[in-house]
Amino acid sequence: MGVRDEPGPHDFKFPRSPSTNLIENGTLALSELGLDEKTAMVGQYLSAMPDDVREEVATRKKTSNELQREQQRAKVSENFLSLPI
């Protein structure tokens, strides 16, 4: 088995057509916007942040990972303090 010079029958991919959901409910699929899933996830994460926190990420004073760790620490300490003595 050597390198194929010609594409085989399994190399063909149908072109993607625009989704019919666009017409029905007015929303676009991620691929239609040119976004992958990770970029969309990061965008949703950033849009859920308060403005002051989002500004810290935008100016690179803090990274999103630092903010996630801070949130997790706050949640753990809150849960710890709520335990009965």
C-alpha atoms as a PDB file:
ATOM      1  CA  MET A   1       0.000   0.000   0.000  1.00  0.00           C
ATOM      2  CA  GLY A   2       1.571   3.220  -1.152  1.00  0.00           C
ATOM      3  CA  VAL A   3       0.512   6.820  -1.199  1.00  0.00           C
ATOM      4  CA  ARG A   4      -2.618   7.445  -3.230  1.00  0.00           C
ATOM      5  CA  ASP A   5      -2.355   9.931  -6.028  1.00  0.00           C
ATOM      6  CA  GLU A   6      -6.084  10.187  -6.563  1.00  0.00           C
ATOM      7  CA  PRO A   7      -8.757  10.740  -3.940  1.00  0.00           C
ATOM      8  CA  GLY A   8     -10.812   7.697  -3.109  1.00  0.00           C
ATOM      9  CA  PRO A   9     -14.598   7.445  -2.812  1.00  0.00           C
ATOM     10  CA  HIS A  10     -14.458   8.097   0.951  1.00  0.00           C
ATOM     11  CA  ASP A  11     -12.545  11.364   0.569  1.00  0.00           C
ATOM     12  CA  PHE A  12     -15.581  13.243  -0.760  1.00  0.00           C
ATOM     13  CA  LYS A  13     -17.442  15.466   1.681  1.00  0.00           C
ATOM     14  CA  PHE A  14     -20.731  17.109   0.866  1.00  0.00           C
ATOM     15  CA  PRO A  15     -20.711  20.890   1.148  1.00  0.00           C
ATOM     16  CA  ARG A  16     -22.586  22.146   4.184  1.00  0.00           C
ATOM     17  CA  SER A  17     -25.765  23.973   3.446  1.00  0.00           C
ATOM     18  CA  PRO A  18     -27.112  26.750   5.653  1.00  0.00           C
ATOM     19  CA  SER A  19     -29.245  25.435   8.435  1.00  0.00           C
ATOM     20  CA  THR A  20     -33.004  25.634   8.119  1.00  0.00           C
ATOM     21  CA  ASN A  21     -33.103  26.769  11.766  1.00  0.00           C
ATOM     22  CA  LEU A  22     -31.796  30.141  10.586  1.00  0.00           C
ATOM     23  CA  ILE A  23     -34.998  30.722   8.679  1.00  0.00           C
ATOM     24  CA  GLU A  24     -37.273  29.339  11.391  1.00  0.00           C
ATOM     25  CA  ASN A  25     -35.931  30.953  14.565  1.00  0.00           C
ATOM     26  CA  GLY A  26     -33.451  33.593  13.374  1.00  0.00           C
ATOM     27  CA  THR A  27     -30.334  32.079  15.001  1.00  0.00           C
ATOM     28  CA  LEU A  28     -27.092  31.046  13.359  1.00  0.00           C
ATOM     29  CA  ALA A  29     -25.126  27.869  13.924  1.00  0.00           C
ATOM     30  CA  LEU A  30     -21.565  28.229  15.204  1.00  0.00           C
ATOM     31  CA  SER A  31     -20.127  27.077  11.900  1.00  0.00           C
ATOM     32  CA  GLU A  32     -22.171  29.701  10.064  1.00  0.00           C
ATOM     33  CA  LEU A  33     -20.573  32.348  12.287  1.00  0.00           C
ATOM     34  CA  GLY A  34     -17.110  30.918  11.690  1.00  0.00           C
ATOM     35  CA  LEU A  35     -16.661  29.847  15.323  1.00  0.00           C
ATOM     36  CA  ASP A  36     -15.546  26.572  16.803  1.00  0.00           C
ATOM     37  CA  GLU A  37     -17.020  25.183  20.038  1.00  0.00           C
ATOM     38  CA  LYS A  38     -14.115  26.256  22.254  1.00  0.00           C
ATOM     39  CA  THR A  39     -14.244  29.871  21.062  1.00  0.00           C
ATOM     40  CA  ALA A  40     -17.999  29.940  21.661  1.00  0.00           C
ATOM     41  CA  MET A  41     -17.521  28.479  25.152  1.00  0.00           C
ATOM     42  CA  VAL A  42     -14.939  31.130  26.053  1.00  0.00           C
ATOM     43  CA  GLY A  43     -17.237  33.843  24.701  1.00  0.00           C
ATOM     44  CA  GLN A  44     -20.131  32.604  26.815  1.00  0.00           C
ATOM     45  CA  TYR A  45     -17.877  32.397  29.861  1.00  0.00           C
ATOM     46  CA  LEU A  46     -16.663  35.972  29.350  1.00  0.00           C
ATOM     47  CA  SER A  47     -20.142  37.336  28.703  1.00  0.00           C
ATOM     48  CA  ALA A  48     -21.388  35.827  31.976  1.00  0.00           C
ATOM     49  CA  MET A  49     -18.747  37.745  33.980  1.00  0.00           C
ATOM     50  CA  PRO A  50     -19.478  41.048  35.671  1.00  0.00           C
ATOM     51  CA  ASP A  51     -18.158  44.069  33.769  1.00  0.00           C
ATOM     52  CA  ASP A  52     -15.336  44.861  36.200  1.00  0.00           C
ATOM     53  CA  VAL A  53     -14.059  41.279  36.142  1.00  0.00           C
ATOM     54  CA  ARG A  54     -14.316  41.114  32.339  1.00  0.00           C
ATOM     55  CA  GLU A  55     -12.286  44.331  32.171  1.00  0.00           C
ATOM     56  CA  GLU A  56      -9.513  42.705  34.261  1.00  0.00           C
ATOM     57  CA  VAL A  57      -9.367  39.846  31.769  1.00  0.00           C
ATOM     58  CA  ALA A  58      -9.440  42.218  28.785  1.00  0.00           C
ATOM     59  CA  THR A  59      -6.538  44.280  30.175  1.00  0.00           C
ATOM     60  CA  ARG A  60      -4.722  41.062  31.104  1.00  0.00           C
ATOM     61  CA  LYS A  61      -4.505  41.934  34.793  1.00  0.00           C
ATOM     62  CA  LYS A  62      -5.914  38.465  35.464  1.00  0.00           C
ATOM     63  CA  THR A  63      -6.367  35.389  33.337  1.00  0.00           C
ATOM     64  CA  SER A  64      -9.619  33.489  33.071  1.00  0.00           C
ATOM     65  CA  ASN A  65      -7.915  30.530  34.779  1.00  0.00           C
ATOM     66  CA  GLU A  66      -7.023  32.706  37.773  1.00  0.00           C
ATOM     67  CA  LEU A  67     -10.627  33.866  37.989  1.00  0.00           C
ATOM     68  CA  GLN A  68     -11.916  30.288  37.816  1.00  0.00           C
ATOM     69  CA  ARG A  69      -9.563  29.276  40.649  1.00  0.00           C
ATOM     70  CA  GLU A  70     -10.705  32.225  42.750  1.00  0.00           C
ATOM     71  CA  GLN A  71     -14.349  31.308  42.185  1.00  0.00           C
ATOM     72  CA  GLN A  72     -13.657  27.671  43.099  1.00  0.00           C
ATOM     73  CA  ARG A  73     -11.781  28.697  46.280  1.00  0.00           C
ATOM     74  CA  ALA A  74     -14.629  31.003  47.295  1.00  0.00           C
ATOM     75  CA  LYS A  75     -17.155  28.219  46.712  1.00  0.00           C
ATOM     76  CA  VAL A  76     -15.115  25.704  48.725  1.00  0.00           C
ATOM     77  CA  SER A  77     -14.581  28.109  51.626  1.00  0.00           C
ATOM     78  CA  GLU A  78     -18.289  29.002  51.611  1.00  0.00           C
ATOM     79  CA  ASN A  79     -19.205  25.322  51.753  1.00  0.00           C
ATOM     80  CA  PHE A  80     -16.634  24.705  54.469  1.00  0.00           C
ATOM     81  CA  LEU A  81     -17.929  27.549  56.625  1.00  0.00           C
ATOM     82  CA  SER A  82     -21.504  26.305  56.275  1.00  0.00           C
ATOM     83  CA  LEU A  83     -20.658  22.903  57.770  1.00  0.00           C
ATOM     84  CA  PRO A  84     -22.022  22.252  61.269  1.00  0.00           C
ATOM     85  CA  ILE A  85     -19.470  22.354  64.059  1.00  0.00           C
END
